[in-house]
Amino acid sequence: MTNLLAMTIVSFRIIENYTLEITFKDGTVQVINFEPVIGKGWMAPLKQLDYFNQVILNDGGNLEWPEGQDFNPEALYNWSEFEQAYIDDMKNY
């Protein structure tokens, strides 16, 4: 198991529509296209690009949107292992 402190996000930048480059405390960088995992249920507001682009880095070292949407930092850190679960979850709405 990876150290949870290493999964703290230290910076991010928007690089394309719905795509963020995320840098973690241990130097790991993930480029994630969120478009396949947003748009339904409580993630529906994120489908509006203006809203998606309001993402901030909160005091806890995680990405957060104005209405409280966020993603588990461990999932972002290990996105290749978690992306399909988020996609499957969207099918439940």
PDB file of N, CA and C in Angstrom:
ATOM      1  N   MET A   1       0.835  -1.187   0.000  1.00  0.00           N
ATOM      2  CA  MET A   1       0.000   0.000   0.000  1.00  0.00           C
ATOM      3  C   MET A   1       0.878   1.247   0.000  1.00  0.00           C
ATOM      4  N   THR A   2       0.471   2.188  -0.790  1.00  0.00           N
ATOM      5  CA  THR A   2       1.214   3.434  -0.896  1.00  0.00           C
ATOM      6  C   THR A   2       0.921   4.322   0.301  1.00  0.00           C
ATOM      7  N   ASN A   3       1.898   5.057   0.735  1.00  0.00           N
ATOM      8  CA  ASN A   3       1.759   5.998   1.829  1.00  0.00           C
ATOM      9  C   ASN A   3       0.722   7.055   1.457  1.00  0.00           C
ATOM     10  N   LEU A   4      -0.303   7.236   2.278  1.00  0.00           N
ATOM     11  CA  LEU A   4      -1.368   8.189   1.978  1.00  0.00           C
ATOM     12  C   LEU A   4      -0.863   9.619   1.883  1.00  0.00           C
ATOM     13  N   LEU A   5       0.169   9.953   2.644  1.00  0.00           N
ATOM     14  CA  LEU A   5       0.736  11.296   2.576  1.00  0.00           C
ATOM     15  C   LEU A   5       1.297  11.572   1.185  1.00  0.00           C
ATOM     16  N   ALA A   6       1.864  10.552   0.560  1.00  0.00           N
ATOM     17  CA  ALA A   6       2.412  10.714  -0.792  1.00  0.00           C
ATOM     18  C   ALA A   6       1.327  11.067  -1.790  1.00  0.00           C
ATOM     19  N   MET A   7       0.074  10.700  -1.486  1.00  0.00           N
ATOM     20  CA  MET A   7      -1.048  10.940  -2.395  1.00  0.00           C
ATOM     21  C   MET A   7      -1.646  12.333  -2.249  1.00  0.00           C
ATOM     22  N   THR A   8      -1.086  13.145  -1.367  1.00  0.00           N
ATOM     23  CA  THR A   8      -1.543  14.517  -1.221  1.00  0.00           C
ATOM     24  C   THR A   8      -1.221  15.278  -2.495  1.00  0.00           C
ATOM     25  N   ILE A   9      -2.199  15.980  -3.025  1.00  0.00           N
ATOM     26  CA  ILE A   9      -1.999  16.766  -4.235  1.00  0.00           C
ATOM     27  C   ILE A   9      -1.349  18.093  -3.848  1.00  0.00           C
ATOM     28  N   VAL A  10      -0.276  18.452  -4.546  1.00  0.00           N
ATOM     29  CA  VAL A  10       0.402  19.712  -4.256  1.00  0.00           C
ATOM     30  C   VAL A  10       0.126  20.769  -5.321  1.00  0.00           C
ATOM     31  N   SER A  11      -0.255  20.333  -6.527  1.00  0.00           N
ATOM     32  CA  SER A  11      -0.601  21.295  -7.569  1.00  0.00           C
ATOM     33  C   SER A  11      -1.362  20.590  -8.683  1.00  0.00           C
ATOM     34  N   PHE A  12      -2.020  21.398  -9.485  1.00  0.00           N
ATOM     35  CA  PHE A  12      -2.702  20.872 -10.666  1.00  0.00           C
ATOM     36  C   PHE A  12      -2.798  21.997 -11.678  1.00  0.00           C
ATOM     37  N   ARG A  13      -3.059  21.618 -12.902  1.00  0.00           N
ATOM     38  CA  ARG A  13      -3.354  22.617 -13.914  1.00  0.00           C
ATOM     39  C   ARG A  13      -4.300  22.006 -14.941  1.00  0.00           C
ATOM     40  N   ILE A  14      -5.158  22.845 -15.485  1.00  0.00           N
ATOM     41  CA  ILE A  14      -6.074  22.424 -16.530  1.00  0.00           C
ATOM     42  C   ILE A  14      -5.288  22.434 -17.830  1.00  0.00           C
ATOM     43  N   ILE A  15      -5.236  21.288 -18.515  1.00  0.00           N
ATOM     44  CA  ILE A  15      -4.464  21.235 -19.757  1.00  0.00           C
ATOM     45  C   ILE A  15      -5.333  21.096 -21.001  1.00  0.00           C
ATOM     46  N   GLU A  16      -6.559  20.637 -20.839  1.00  0.00           N
ATOM     47  CA  GLU A  16      -7.540  20.538 -21.916  1.00  0.00           C
ATOM     48  C   GLU A  16      -8.913  20.519 -21.264  1.00  0.00           C
ATOM     49  N   ASN A  17      -9.960  20.537 -22.089  1.00  0.00           N
ATOM     50  CA  ASN A  17     -11.306  20.420 -21.538  1.00  0.00           C
ATOM     51  C   ASN A  17     -11.419  19.131 -20.736  1.00  0.00           C
ATOM     52  N   TYR A  18     -11.822  19.273 -19.491  1.00  0.00           N
ATOM     53  CA  TYR A  18     -12.044  18.147 -18.562  1.00  0.00           C
ATOM     54  C   TYR A  18     -10.777  17.354 -18.231  1.00  0.00           C
ATOM     55  N   THR A  19      -9.626  17.879 -18.571  1.00  0.00           N
ATOM     56  CA  THR A  19      -8.361  17.160 -18.349  1.00  0.00           C
ATOM     57  C   THR A  19      -7.446  17.977 -17.453  1.00  0.00           C
ATOM     58  N   LEU A  20      -7.006  17.330 -16.382  1.00  0.00           N
ATOM     59  CA  LEU A  20      -6.110  17.971 -15.425  1.00  0.00           C
ATOM     60  C   LEU A  20      -4.786  17.224 -15.352  1.00  0.00           C
ATOM     61  N   GLU A  21      -3.731  17.986 -15.179  1.00  0.00           N
ATOM     62  CA  GLU A  21      -2.424  17.421 -14.828  1.00  0.00           C
ATOM     63  C   GLU A  21      -2.272  17.643 -13.329  1.00  0.00           C
ATOM     64  N   ILE A  22      -2.134  16.552 -12.590  1.00  0.00           N
ATOM     65  CA  ILE A  22      -2.119  16.590 -11.130  1.00  0.00           C
ATOM     66  C   ILE A  22      -0.754  16.134 -10.638  1.00  0.00           C
ATOM     67  N   THR A  23      -0.146  16.924  -9.745  1.00  0.00           N
ATOM     68  CA  THR A  23       1.140  16.578  -9.156  1.00  0.00           C
ATOM     69  C   THR A  23       0.938  16.270  -7.674  1.00  0.00           C
ATOM     70  N   PHE A  24       1.472  15.118  -7.268  1.00  0.00           N
ATOM     71  CA  PHE A  24       1.336  14.652  -5.896  1.00  0.00           C
ATOM     72  C   PHE A  24       2.607  14.940  -5.101  1.00  0.00           C
ATOM     73  N   LYS A  25       2.478  14.854  -3.798  1.00  0.00           N
ATOM     74  CA  LYS A  25       3.576  15.199  -2.892  1.00  0.00           C
ATOM     75  C   LYS A  25       4.858  14.421  -3.178  1.00  0.00           C
ATOM     76  N   ASP A  26       4.740  13.169  -3.605  1.00  0.00           N
ATOM     77  CA  ASP A  26       5.947  12.372  -3.877  1.00  0.00           C
ATOM     78  C   ASP A  26       6.514  12.608  -5.273  1.00  0.00           C
ATOM     79  N   GLY A  27       5.941  13.559  -6.027  1.00  0.00           N
ATOM     80  CA  GLY A  27       6.430  13.876  -7.360  1.00  0.00           C
ATOM     81  C   GLY A  27       5.709  13.152  -8.492  1.00  0.00           C
ATOM     82  N   THR A  28       4.857  12.207  -8.157  1.00  0.00           N
ATOM     83  CA  THR A  28       4.068  11.516  -9.173  1.00  0.00           C
ATOM     84  C   THR A  28       3.165  12.525  -9.879  1.00  0.00           C
ATOM     85  N   VAL A  29       3.063  12.388 -11.189  1.00  0.00           N
ATOM     86  CA  VAL A  29       2.190  13.248 -11.991  1.00  0.00           C
ATOM     87  C   VAL A  29       1.195  12.366 -12.738  1.00  0.00           C
ATOM     88  N   GLN A  30      -0.062  12.722 -12.664  1.00  0.00           N
ATOM     89  CA  GLN A  30      -1.114  12.025 -13.392  1.00  0.00           C
ATOM     90  C   GLN A  30      -1.808  13.028 -14.312  1.00  0.00           C
ATOM     91  N   VAL A  31      -2.039  12.632 -15.550  1.00  0.00           N
ATOM     92  CA  VAL A  31      -2.868  13.404 -16.464  1.00  0.00           C
ATOM     93  C   VAL A  31      -4.170  12.628 -16.598  1.00  0.00           C
ATOM     94  N   ILE A  32      -5.271  13.262 -16.177  1.00  0.00           N
ATOM     95  CA  ILE A  32      -6.555  12.559 -16.119  1.00  0.00           C
ATOM     96  C   ILE A  32      -7.599  13.326 -16.917  1.00  0.00           C
ATOM     97  N   ASN A  33      -8.234  12.621 -17.837  1.00  0.00           N
ATOM     98  CA  ASN A  33      -9.394  13.134 -18.555  1.00  0.00           C
ATOM     99  C   ASN A  33     -10.623  12.659 -17.776  1.00  0.00           C
ATOM    100  N   PHE A  34     -11.316  13.589 -17.140  1.00  0.00           N
ATOM    101  CA  PHE A  34     -12.463  13.260 -16.301  1.00  0.00           C
ATOM    102  C   PHE A  34     -13.752  13.096 -17.094  1.00  0.00           C
ATOM    103  N   GLU A  35     -13.774  13.462 -18.363  1.00  0.00           N
ATOM    104  CA  GLU A  35     -15.026  13.461 -19.110  1.00  0.00           C
ATOM    105  C   GLU A  35     -15.775  12.128 -19.068  1.00  0.00           C
ATOM    106  N   PRO A  36     -15.101  10.974 -19.143  1.00  0.00           N
ATOM    107  CA  PRO A  36     -15.847   9.711 -19.105  1.00  0.00           C
ATOM    108  C   PRO A  36     -16.504   9.396 -17.756  1.00  0.00           C
ATOM    109  N   VAL A  37     -16.127  10.097 -16.693  1.00  0.00           N
ATOM    110  CA  VAL A  37     -16.626   9.729 -15.356  1.00  0.00           C
ATOM    111  C   VAL A  37     -17.494  10.807 -14.719  1.00  0.00           C
ATOM    112  N   ILE A  38     -17.892  11.812 -15.492  1.00  0.00           N
ATOM    113  CA  ILE A  38     -18.736  12.881 -14.955  1.00  0.00           C
ATOM    114  C   ILE A  38     -20.011  12.994 -15.783  1.00  0.00           C
ATOM    115  N   GLY A  39     -20.962  13.727 -15.275  1.00  0.00           N
ATOM    116  CA  GLY A  39     -22.150  14.023 -16.050  1.00  0.00           C
ATOM    117  C   GLY A  39     -23.435  13.424 -15.533  1.00  0.00           C
ATOM    118  N   LYS A  40     -23.355  12.539 -14.551  1.00  0.00           N
ATOM    119  CA  LYS A  40     -24.570  11.933 -14.000  1.00  0.00           C
ATOM    120  C   LYS A  40     -24.511  11.975 -12.482  1.00  0.00           C
ATOM    121  N   GLY A  41     -25.697  11.873 -11.887  1.00  0.00           N
ATOM    122  CA  GLY A  41     -25.755  11.869 -10.431  1.00  0.00           C
ATOM    123  C   GLY A  41     -25.152  13.131  -9.848  1.00  0.00           C
ATOM    124  N   TRP A  42     -24.472  12.984  -8.736  1.00  0.00           N
ATOM    125  CA  TRP A  42     -23.896  14.138  -8.054  1.00  0.00           C
ATOM    126  C   TRP A  42     -22.725  14.752  -8.814  1.00  0.00           C
ATOM    127  N   MET A  43     -22.243  14.048  -9.856  1.00  0.00           N
ATOM    128  CA  MET A  43     -21.172  14.584 -10.705  1.00  0.00           C
ATOM    129  C   MET A  43     -21.712  15.327 -11.934  1.00  0.00           C
ATOM    130  N   ALA A  44     -23.042  15.421 -12.070  1.00  0.00           N
ATOM    131  CA  ALA A  44     -23.653  16.069 -13.237  1.00  0.00           C
ATOM    132  C   ALA A  44     -23.172  17.508 -13.454  1.00  0.00           C
ATOM    133  N   PRO A  45     -23.057  18.332 -12.420  1.00  0.00           N
ATOM    134  CA  PRO A  45     -22.614  19.714 -12.658  1.00  0.00           C
ATOM    135  C   PRO A  45     -21.232  19.812 -13.316  1.00  0.00           C
ATOM    136  N   LEU A  46     -20.387  18.807 -13.106  1.00  0.00           N
ATOM    137  CA  LEU A  46     -19.032  18.852 -13.666  1.00  0.00           C
ATOM    138  C   LEU A  46     -19.028  18.802 -15.189  1.00  0.00           C
ATOM    139  N   LYS A  47     -20.133  18.373 -15.791  1.00  0.00           N
ATOM    140  CA  LYS A  47     -20.213  18.295 -17.249  1.00  0.00           C
ATOM    141  C   LYS A  47     -20.270  19.689 -17.874  1.00  0.00           C
ATOM    142  N   GLN A  48     -20.654  20.678 -17.079  1.00  0.00           N
ATOM    143  CA  GLN A  48     -20.623  22.063 -17.541  1.00  0.00           C
ATOM    144  C   GLN A  48     -19.182  22.553 -17.418  1.00  0.00           C
ATOM    145  N   LEU A  49     -18.558  22.823 -18.546  1.00  0.00           N
ATOM    146  CA  LEU A  49     -17.133  23.146 -18.544  1.00  0.00           C
ATOM    147  C   LEU A  49     -16.789  24.328 -17.646  1.00  0.00           C
ATOM    148  N   ASP A  50     -17.630  25.359 -17.640  1.00  0.00           N
ATOM    149  CA  ASP A  50     -17.366  26.506 -16.765  1.00  0.00           C
ATOM    150  C   ASP A  50     -17.324  26.085 -15.300  1.00  0.00           C
ATOM    151  N   TYR A  51     -18.207  25.165 -14.927  1.00  0.00           N
ATOM    152  CA  TYR A  51     -18.218  24.659 -13.558  1.00  0.00           C
ATOM    153  C   TYR A  51     -16.998  23.774 -13.304  1.00  0.00           C
ATOM    154  N   PHE A  52     -16.709  22.877 -14.236  1.00  0.00           N
ATOM    155  CA  PHE A  52     -15.551  21.996 -14.072  1.00  0.00           C
ATOM    156  C   PHE A  52     -14.283  22.819 -13.819  1.00  0.00           C
ATOM    157  N   ASN A  53     -14.148  23.913 -14.539  1.00  0.00           N
ATOM    158  CA  ASN A  53     -12.939  24.738 -14.434  1.00  0.00           C
ATOM    159  C   ASN A  53     -12.859  25.527 -13.131  1.00  0.00           C
ATOM    160  N   GLN A  54     -13.861  25.424 -12.269  1.00  0.00           N
ATOM    161  CA  GLN A  54     -13.820  26.079 -10.959  1.00  0.00           C
ATOM    162  C   GLN A  54     -13.143  25.212  -9.896  1.00  0.00           C
ATOM    163  N   VAL A  55     -12.534  24.129 -10.306  1.00  0.00           N
ATOM    164  CA  VAL A  55     -11.849  23.227  -9.383  1.00  0.00           C
ATOM    165  C   VAL A  55     -10.765  23.985  -8.617  1.00  0.00           C
ATOM    166  N   ILE A  56     -10.641  23.626  -7.351  1.00  0.00           N
ATOM    167  CA  ILE A  56      -9.594  24.209  -6.506  1.00  0.00           C
ATOM    168  C   ILE A  56      -8.839  23.083  -5.805  1.00  0.00           C
ATOM    169  N   LEU A  57      -7.689  23.426  -5.269  1.00  0.00           N
ATOM    170  CA  LEU A  57      -6.942  22.533  -4.392  1.00  0.00           C
ATOM    171  C   LEU A  57      -7.297  22.950  -2.970  1.00  0.00           C
ATOM    172  N   ASN A  58      -7.995  22.066  -2.242  1.00  0.00           N
ATOM    173  CA  ASN A  58      -8.440  22.444  -0.893  1.00  0.00           C
ATOM    174  C   ASN A  58      -7.312  22.290   0.128  1.00  0.00           C
ATOM    175  N   ASP A  59      -7.582  22.720   1.356  1.00  0.00           N
ATOM    176  CA  ASP A  59      -6.568  22.686   2.424  1.00  0.00           C
ATOM    177  C   ASP A  59      -6.112  21.276   2.759  1.00  0.00           C
ATOM    178  N   GLY A  60      -6.934  20.277   2.445  1.00  0.00           N
ATOM    179  CA  GLY A  60      -6.581  18.891   2.724  1.00  0.00           C
ATOM    180  C   GLY A  60      -5.726  18.240   1.643  1.00  0.00           C
ATOM    181  N   GLY A  61      -5.398  19.000   0.602  1.00  0.00           N
ATOM    182  CA  GLY A  61      -4.574  18.442  -0.463  1.00  0.00           C
ATOM    183  C   GLY A  61      -5.349  17.595  -1.450  1.00  0.00           C
ATOM    184  N   ASN A  62      -6.606  17.989  -1.695  1.00  0.00           N
ATOM    185  CA  ASN A  62      -7.429  17.270  -2.651  1.00  0.00           C
ATOM    186  C   ASN A  62      -8.127  18.271  -3.554  1.00  0.00           C
ATOM    187  N   LEU A  63      -8.517  17.825  -4.745  1.00  0.00           N
ATOM    188  CA  LEU A  63      -9.266  18.662  -5.665  1.00  0.00           C
ATOM    189  C   LEU A  63     -10.717  18.706  -5.215  1.00  0.00           C
ATOM    190  N   GLU A  64     -11.333  19.883  -5.358  1.00  0.00           N
ATOM    191  CA  GLU A  64     -12.716  20.034  -4.923  1.00  0.00           C
ATOM    192  C   GLU A  64     -13.408  21.072  -5.800  1.00  0.00           C
ATOM    193  N   TRP A  65     -14.697  20.841  -6.058  1.00  0.00           N
ATOM    194  CA  TRP A  65     -15.524  21.764  -6.828  1.00  0.00           C
ATOM    195  C   TRP A  65     -16.475  22.479  -5.884  1.00  0.00           C
ATOM    196  N   PRO A  66     -17.102  23.600  -6.336  1.00  0.00           N
ATOM    197  CA  PRO A  66     -17.902  24.442  -5.439  1.00  0.00           C
ATOM    198  C   PRO A  66     -19.014  23.735  -4.674  1.00  0.00           C
ATOM    199  N   GLU A  67     -19.642  22.749  -5.248  1.00  0.00           N
ATOM    200  CA  GLU A  67     -20.724  22.056  -4.549  1.00  0.00           C
ATOM    201  C   GLU A  67     -20.221  20.836  -3.774  1.00  0.00           C
ATOM    202  N   GLY A  68     -18.911  20.731  -3.600  1.00  0.00           N
ATOM    203  CA  GLY A  68     -18.334  19.680  -2.772  1.00  0.00           C
ATOM    204  C   GLY A  68     -17.926  18.414  -3.493  1.00  0.00           C
ATOM    205  N   GLN A  69     -18.097  18.359  -4.808  1.00  0.00           N
ATOM    206  CA  GLN A  69     -17.658  17.172  -5.524  1.00  0.00           C
ATOM    207  C   GLN A  69     -16.138  17.040  -5.399  1.00  0.00           C
ATOM    208  N   ASP A  70     -15.710  15.808  -5.220  1.00  0.00           N
ATOM    209  CA  ASP A  70     -14.282  15.527  -5.189  1.00  0.00           C
ATOM    210  C   ASP A  70     -14.065  14.068  -5.572  1.00  0.00           C
ATOM    211  N   PHE A  71     -12.829  13.707  -5.719  1.00  0.00           N
ATOM    212  CA  PHE A  71     -12.449  12.332  -6.022  1.00  0.00           C
ATOM    213  C   PHE A  71     -11.493  11.866  -4.945  1.00  0.00           C
ATOM    214  N   ASN A  72     -11.572  10.607  -4.606  1.00  0.00           N
ATOM    215  CA  ASN A  72     -10.675  10.015  -3.628  1.00  0.00           C
ATOM    216  C   ASN A  72      -9.230  10.218  -4.097  1.00  0.00           C
ATOM    217  N   PRO A  73      -8.362  10.807  -3.261  1.00  0.00           N
ATOM    218  CA  PRO A  73      -6.980  11.030  -3.671  1.00  0.00           C
ATOM    219  C   PRO A  73      -6.252   9.741  -4.073  1.00  0.00           C
ATOM    220  N   GLU A  74      -6.558   8.636  -3.397  1.00  0.00           N
ATOM    221  CA  GLU A  74      -5.940   7.370  -3.766  1.00  0.00           C
ATOM    222  C   GLU A  74      -6.357   6.962  -5.183  1.00  0.00           C
ATOM    223  N   ALA A  75      -7.611   7.230  -5.534  1.00  0.00           N
ATOM    224  CA  ALA A  75      -8.082   6.914  -6.882  1.00  0.00           C
ATOM    225  C   ALA A  75      -7.377   7.775  -7.916  1.00  0.00           C
ATOM    226  N   LEU A  76      -7.192   9.050  -7.621  1.00  0.00           N
ATOM    227  CA  LEU A  76      -6.489   9.921  -8.566  1.00  0.00           C
ATOM    228  C   LEU A  76      -5.035   9.492  -8.727  1.00  0.00           C
ATOM    229  N   TYR A  77      -4.423   9.134  -7.626  1.00  0.00           N
ATOM    230  CA  TYR A  77      -3.022   8.707  -7.637  1.00  0.00           C
ATOM    231  C   TYR A  77      -2.852   7.425  -8.454  1.00  0.00           C
ATOM    232  N   ASN A  78      -3.793   6.517  -8.316  1.00  0.00           N
ATOM    233  CA  ASN A  78      -3.757   5.216  -9.001  1.00  0.00           C
ATOM    234  C   ASN A  78      -4.868   5.138 -10.055  1.00  0.00           C
ATOM    235  N   TRP A  79      -5.003   6.169 -10.870  1.00  0.00           N
ATOM    236  CA  TRP A  79      -6.134   6.306 -11.771  1.00  0.00           C
ATOM    237  C   TRP A  79      -6.344   5.093 -12.672  1.00  0.00           C
ATOM    238  N   SER A  80      -5.286   4.504 -13.175  1.00  0.00           N
ATOM    239  CA  SER A  80      -5.443   3.356 -14.078  1.00  0.00           C
ATOM    240  C   SER A  80      -6.158   2.192 -13.397  1.00  0.00           C
ATOM    241  N   GLU A  81      -6.070   2.116 -12.087  1.00  0.00           N
ATOM    242  CA  GLU A  81      -6.734   1.049 -11.337  1.00  0.00           C
ATOM    243  C   GLU A  81      -8.181   1.401 -10.965  1.00  0.00           C
ATOM    244  N   PHE A  82      -8.529   2.688 -10.968  1.00  0.00           N
ATOM    245  CA  PHE A  82      -9.828   3.127 -10.478  1.00  0.00           C
ATOM    246  C   PHE A  82     -10.753   3.688 -11.551  1.00  0.00           C
ATOM    247  N   GLU A  83     -10.226   4.097 -12.694  1.00  0.00           N
ATOM    248  CA  GLU A  83     -11.039   4.763 -13.708  1.00  0.00           C
ATOM    249  C   GLU A  83     -12.266   3.941 -14.095  1.00  0.00           C
ATOM    250  N   GLN A  84     -12.083   2.653 -14.342  1.00  0.00           N
ATOM    251  CA  GLN A  84     -13.206   1.827 -14.780  1.00  0.00           C
ATOM    252  C   GLN A  84     -14.306   1.758 -13.720  1.00  0.00           C
ATOM    253  N   ALA A  85     -13.936   1.751 -12.464  1.00  0.00           N
ATOM    254  CA  ALA A  85     -14.942   1.732 -11.401  1.00  0.00           C
ATOM    255  C   ALA A  85     -15.792   3.001 -11.430  1.00  0.00           C
ATOM    256  N   TYR A  86     -15.164   4.148 -11.687  1.00  0.00           N
ATOM    257  CA  TYR A  86     -15.923   5.389 -11.809  1.00  0.00           C
ATOM    258  C   TYR A  86     -16.821   5.361 -13.037  1.00  0.00           C
ATOM    259  N   ILE A  87     -16.324   4.847 -14.156  1.00  0.00           N
ATOM    260  CA  ILE A  87     -17.138   4.723 -15.374  1.00  0.00           C
ATOM    261  C   ILE A  87     -18.334   3.818 -15.099  1.00  0.00           C
ATOM    262  N   ASP A  88     -18.093   2.680 -14.466  1.00  0.00           N
ATOM    263  CA  ASP A  88     -19.179   1.753 -14.150  1.00  0.00           C
ATOM    264  C   ASP A  88     -20.202   2.400 -13.216  1.00  0.00           C
ATOM    265  N   ASP A  89     -19.730   3.199 -12.270  1.00  0.00           N
ATOM    266  CA  ASP A  89     -20.623   3.866 -11.344  1.00  0.00           C
ATOM    267  C   ASP A  89     -21.548   4.834 -12.081  1.00  0.00           C
ATOM    268  N   MET A  90     -21.056   5.499 -13.111  1.00  0.00           N
ATOM    269  CA  MET A  90     -21.888   6.420 -13.888  1.00  0.00           C
ATOM    270  C   MET A  90     -23.025   5.673 -14.597  1.00  0.00           C
ATOM    271  N   LYS A  91     -22.827   4.407 -14.885  1.00  0.00           N
ATOM    272  CA  LYS A  91     -23.867   3.607 -15.559  1.00  0.00           C
ATOM    273  C   LYS A  91     -25.046   3.332 -14.620  1.00  0.00           C
ATOM    274  N   ASN A  92     -24.840   3.500 -13.320  1.00  0.00           N
ATOM    275  CA  ASN A  92     -25.895   3.234 -12.344  1.00  0.00           C
ATOM    276  C   ASN A  92     -26.897   4.383 -12.215  1.00  0.00           C
ATOM    277  N   TYR A  93     -26.656   5.484 -12.920  1.00  0.00           N
ATOM    278  CA  TYR A  93     -27.569   6.648 -12.835  1.00  0.00           C
ATOM    279  C   TYR A  93     -28.467   6.688 -14.051  1.00  0.00           C
TER     280      TYR A  93
END
